[in-house]
Amino acid sequence: MQHNISLPGHGVRLVPLRRRHAADLYPYIDVDMWAGMASERPTSKRALERLFAARIADPSVIAFAVIDEETGTVAGTTSLYDYVPEQSRVELGMTFFSRKYWGRNVNAASKLALLTFAFEELLVYRVTLRCDARNARSAAAIAKLGASLDGVLRGYRRGPDGTRVDTCVYSLLDHEWPASRSSLVQRLTPADLLPEVTELIEYSEQLMREDVENAPLPV
């Protein structure tokens, strides 16, 4: 699938991942930043290219490069994966960013873009997110999205050091998405624009409710 996602005013643009993006992203990778990833750490640009090629070829993966619109540089990568249309579910992950973007709004903006695409374009009912149970930073970021902890998969995978790793599984459901979206928008919107943005969100949700209420009954 080929998708470009842009949310004006939030500073990022998501474009389909390509093998060539490995040249931009490989310099960001080190042992510490890769800790907690499910895949083996690429030790060369060619290895990262192969990893990206596998994601691109997988029909259940919709992979993106995240572009910093201010500079035009590739900030990182993120994906929707394990997409099962007949069950209306998808997972969000396979994400990493350059350290210089940590603590900034790039991750939150890319999550807003991906979740908007998942719930409003793919029309999924459930988005799943996972993280290494030891990764408090990722767990806190997922919780800030409004996702609920479903449970912990004990010894779910093998870590880079060969030990078994527990995995936390979170989910966000479609009826929880409006509150999550509003929270993300508020985090990303300058304070002086918040009243206007909130009014637009409320108006959009009113139109969506009216569409549902006025929809013809199934035959």
Protein backbone atom coordinates (compact mmCIF):
# COMPACT_ATOMS: atom_id res chain seq x y z
CA MET A 1 0.00 0.00 0.00
CA GLN A 2 1.22 3.51 -0.83
CA HIS A 3 0.14 6.30 1.50
CA ASN A 4 1.38 9.79 2.25
CA ILE A 5 0.15 11.28 5.51
CA SER A 6 0.44 14.92 6.47
CA LEU A 7 -1.22 16.84 9.30
CA PRO A 8 -0.66 20.55 8.57
CA GLY A 9 0.72 22.52 11.48
CA HIS A 10 2.18 19.58 13.38
CA GLY A 11 5.62 19.55 11.80
CA VAL A 12 5.87 16.04 10.36
CA ARG A 13 5.03 14.30 7.13
CA LEU A 14 4.88 10.51 6.73
CA VAL A 15 5.96 9.08 3.38
CA PRO A 16 6.17 5.44 2.26
CA LEU A 17 9.35 3.83 3.58
CA ARG A 18 12.00 3.08 0.95
CA ARG A 19 15.26 1.16 1.11
CA ARG A 20 17.12 4.40 0.42
CA HIS A 21 15.95 5.78 3.77
CA ALA A 22 18.42 3.39 5.41
CA ALA A 23 21.23 5.77 4.45
CA ASP A 24 19.59 8.56 6.46
CA LEU A 25 18.55 6.45 9.43
CA TYR A 26 21.46 4.06 9.97
CA PRO A 27 23.70 6.74 11.59
CA TYR A 28 21.06 7.15 14.33
CA ILE A 29 21.34 3.54 15.50
CA ASP A 30 23.39 2.51 18.53
CA VAL A 31 23.13 -0.26 21.12
CA ASP A 32 21.26 1.80 23.72
CA MET A 33 18.69 3.33 21.36
CA TRP A 34 17.96 -0.09 19.81
CA ALA A 35 17.44 -1.75 23.20
CA GLY A 36 13.88 -3.04 23.48
CA MET A 37 13.43 -3.53 19.74
CA ALA A 38 12.01 -6.88 18.65
CA SER A 39 14.25 -7.14 15.58
CA GLU A 40 18.01 -7.73 15.68
CA ARG A 41 20.05 -4.53 15.64
CA PRO A 42 21.36 -3.79 12.12
CA THR A 43 25.14 -3.51 12.16
CA SER A 44 25.48 -1.99 8.69
CA LYS A 45 23.55 0.23 6.31
CA ARG A 46 23.02 -2.79 4.05
CA ALA A 47 21.51 -4.75 6.97
CA LEU A 48 19.07 -1.89 7.64
CA GLU A 49 18.20 -1.85 3.94
CA ARG A 50 17.34 -5.56 4.15
CA LEU A 51 15.18 -4.94 7.22
CA PHE A 52 13.32 -2.15 5.41
CA ALA A 53 12.95 -4.28 2.28
CA ALA A 54 11.28 -7.04 4.33
CA ARG A 55 8.82 -4.54 5.82
CA ILE A 56 8.05 -3.05 2.42
CA ALA A 57 7.40 -6.49 0.92
CA ASP A 58 5.08 -7.60 3.74
CA PRO A 59 1.42 -6.93 2.78
CA SER A 60 0.42 -6.72 6.46
CA VAL A 61 2.86 -3.83 7.07
CA ILE A 62 2.32 -0.16 6.13
CA ALA A 63 5.75 1.36 6.78
CA PHE A 64 6.66 5.04 6.80
CA ALA A 65 9.65 7.34 6.99
CA VAL A 66 8.94 10.35 9.20
CA ILE A 67 10.04 13.66 7.67
CA ASP A 68 10.77 16.74 9.79
CA GLU A 69 8.94 19.36 7.71
CA GLU A 70 10.99 22.22 9.14
CA THR A 71 14.29 20.84 7.85
CA GLY A 72 13.19 18.23 5.30
CA THR A 73 15.36 15.61 7.00
CA VAL A 74 14.35 12.03 7.81
CA ALA A 75 13.70 12.00 11.56
CA GLY A 76 12.87 8.31 11.95
CA THR A 77 10.54 5.54 10.91
CA THR A 78 7.25 4.08 12.16
CA SER A 79 4.74 1.53 10.92
CA LEU A 80 1.34 -0.02 11.12
CA TYR A 81 1.74 -3.79 11.01
CA ASP A 82 -0.13 -7.06 11.50
CA TYR A 83 -3.02 -5.36 9.71
CA VAL A 84 -6.02 -7.71 9.57
CA PRO A 85 -8.81 -5.90 7.67
CA GLU A 86 -11.44 -8.59 8.23
CA GLN A 87 -10.92 -8.25 12.00
CA SER A 88 -10.58 -4.43 11.92
CA ARG A 89 -7.33 -4.43 13.86
CA VAL A 90 -3.74 -3.30 13.41
CA GLU A 91 -0.60 -2.82 15.50
CA LEU A 92 1.46 0.35 15.72
CA GLY A 93 5.20 0.11 16.20
CA MET A 94 8.51 -0.60 14.46
CA THR A 95 9.39 2.94 15.51
CA PHE A 96 12.68 4.68 16.12
CA PHE A 97 13.86 8.29 15.91
CA SER A 98 17.18 10.09 15.97
CA ARG A 99 18.15 10.97 19.52
CA LYS A 100 17.97 14.68 18.63
CA TYR A 101 14.19 14.28 18.29
CA TRP A 102 13.73 12.60 21.67
CA GLY A 103 11.73 14.79 24.03
CA ARG A 104 10.30 16.80 21.13
CA ASN A 105 6.85 16.52 19.57
CA VAL A 106 7.91 14.50 16.53
CA ASN A 107 6.92 11.17 18.06
CA ALA A 108 3.56 12.49 19.30
CA ALA A 109 2.85 14.10 15.91
CA SER A 110 3.65 10.88 14.04
CA LYS A 111 1.42 8.91 16.44
CA LEU A 112 -1.41 11.39 15.81
CA ALA A 113 -0.96 10.96 12.05
CA LEU A 114 -0.84 7.15 12.21
CA LEU A 115 -3.74 6.78 14.62
CA THR A 116 -5.85 9.19 12.55
CA PHE A 117 -5.08 7.10 9.47
CA ALA A 118 -5.83 3.83 11.27
CA PHE A 119 -9.15 4.85 12.82
CA GLU A 120 -10.45 7.26 10.18
CA GLU A 121 -9.11 5.80 6.91
CA LEU A 122 -8.59 2.10 7.60
CA LEU A 123 -11.60 2.18 9.98
CA VAL A 124 -10.07 -0.28 12.42
CA TYR A 125 -11.73 -1.02 15.75
CA ARG A 126 -8.52 -1.76 17.68
CA VAL A 127 -4.93 -0.50 17.56
CA THR A 128 -2.42 -2.55 19.54
CA LEU A 129 0.87 -1.19 20.89
CA ARG A 130 3.63 -3.20 22.57
CA CYS A 131 6.82 -2.44 24.43
CA ASP A 132 9.54 -4.21 26.37
CA ALA A 133 8.31 -4.43 29.97
CA ARG A 134 11.64 -2.91 31.10
CA ASN A 135 11.26 0.12 28.83
CA ALA A 136 9.66 2.65 31.17
CA ARG A 137 10.12 5.46 28.63
CA SER A 138 8.10 3.69 25.95
CA ALA A 139 5.47 2.52 28.44
CA ALA A 140 4.93 6.10 29.64
CA ALA A 141 4.64 7.37 26.06
CA ILE A 142 2.04 4.72 25.21
CA ALA A 143 0.04 5.47 28.35
CA LYS A 144 -0.02 9.18 27.41
CA LEU A 145 -1.85 8.18 24.21
CA GLY A 146 -4.74 6.97 26.35
CA ALA A 147 -4.08 3.29 25.60
CA SER A 148 -4.99 0.67 28.20
CA LEU A 149 -2.64 -2.04 29.41
CA ASP A 150 -4.16 -5.39 28.37
CA GLY A 151 -1.50 -7.45 30.13
CA VAL A 152 2.07 -8.69 30.14
CA LEU A 153 3.25 -11.53 27.89
CA ARG A 154 5.86 -13.29 30.03
CA GLY A 155 9.01 -14.43 28.27
CA TYR A 156 7.46 -13.35 24.96
CA ARG A 157 10.68 -12.93 22.99
CA ARG A 158 14.42 -13.26 23.17
CA GLY A 159 16.29 -10.05 23.94
CA PRO A 160 19.55 -8.91 22.33
CA ASP A 161 21.53 -10.41 25.23
CA GLY A 162 19.85 -13.80 24.78
CA THR A 163 17.60 -13.56 27.84
CA ARG A 164 13.82 -13.92 27.63
CA VAL A 165 11.95 -10.61 27.68
CA ASP A 166 8.47 -9.78 28.97
CA THR A 167 6.31 -7.67 26.68
CA CYS A 168 3.58 -5.22 27.73
CA VAL A 169 0.55 -5.14 25.42
CA TYR A 170 -1.65 -2.04 25.20
CA SER A 171 -4.71 -1.24 23.11
CA LEU A 172 -6.73 1.76 21.97
CA LEU A 173 -10.31 1.15 20.76
CA ASP A 174 -12.35 3.22 18.34
CA HIS A 175 -14.65 4.73 20.99
CA GLU A 176 -11.54 5.81 22.94
CA TRP A 177 -9.97 7.47 19.91
CA PRO A 178 -11.75 10.88 20.10
CA ALA A 179 -10.43 11.54 23.63
CA SER A 180 -6.95 10.32 22.62
CA ARG A 181 -6.98 12.53 19.51
CA SER A 182 -8.04 15.60 21.49
CA SER A 183 -5.26 14.99 24.02
CA LEU A 184 -2.64 14.62 21.27
CA VAL A 185 -3.86 17.74 19.46
CA GLN A 186 -3.67 19.76 22.68
CA ARG A 187 -0.10 18.55 23.27
CA LEU A 188 0.87 19.68 19.78
CA THR A 189 -1.03 22.96 19.53
CA PRO A 190 0.32 26.32 20.77
CA ALA A 191 -1.73 27.60 23.71
CA ASP A 192 -3.03 30.65 21.82
CA LEU A 193 -4.59 28.41 19.14
CA LEU A 194 -6.18 25.88 21.48
CA PRO A 195 -9.70 27.43 21.66
CA GLU A 196 -9.96 27.55 17.87
CA VAL A 197 -8.60 24.02 17.43
CA THR A 198 -10.89 22.62 20.14
CA GLU A 199 -13.90 24.25 18.46
CA LEU A 200 -12.94 22.68 15.12
CA ILE A 201 -12.59 19.21 16.72
CA GLU A 202 -15.99 19.54 18.41
CA TYR A 203 -17.59 20.66 15.13
CA SER A 204 -16.02 17.76 13.25
CA GLU A 205 -17.29 15.27 15.82
CA GLN A 206 -20.79 16.81 15.63
CA LEU A 207 -20.82 16.31 11.85
CA MET A 208 -19.68 12.70 12.27
CA ARG A 209 -22.49 12.04 14.78
CA GLU A 210 -25.05 13.59 12.42
CA ASP A 211 -23.79 11.43 9.55
CA VAL A 212 -24.26 8.30 11.67
CA GLU A 213 -27.71 9.37 12.90
CA ASN A 214 -28.90 10.18 9.37
CA ALA A 215 -27.45 7.08 7.73
CA PRO A 216 -30.08 4.83 6.10
CA LEU A 217 -31.00 1.70 7.98
CA PRO A 218 -29.58 -1.54 6.54
CA VAL A 219 -31.98 -3.47 4.33
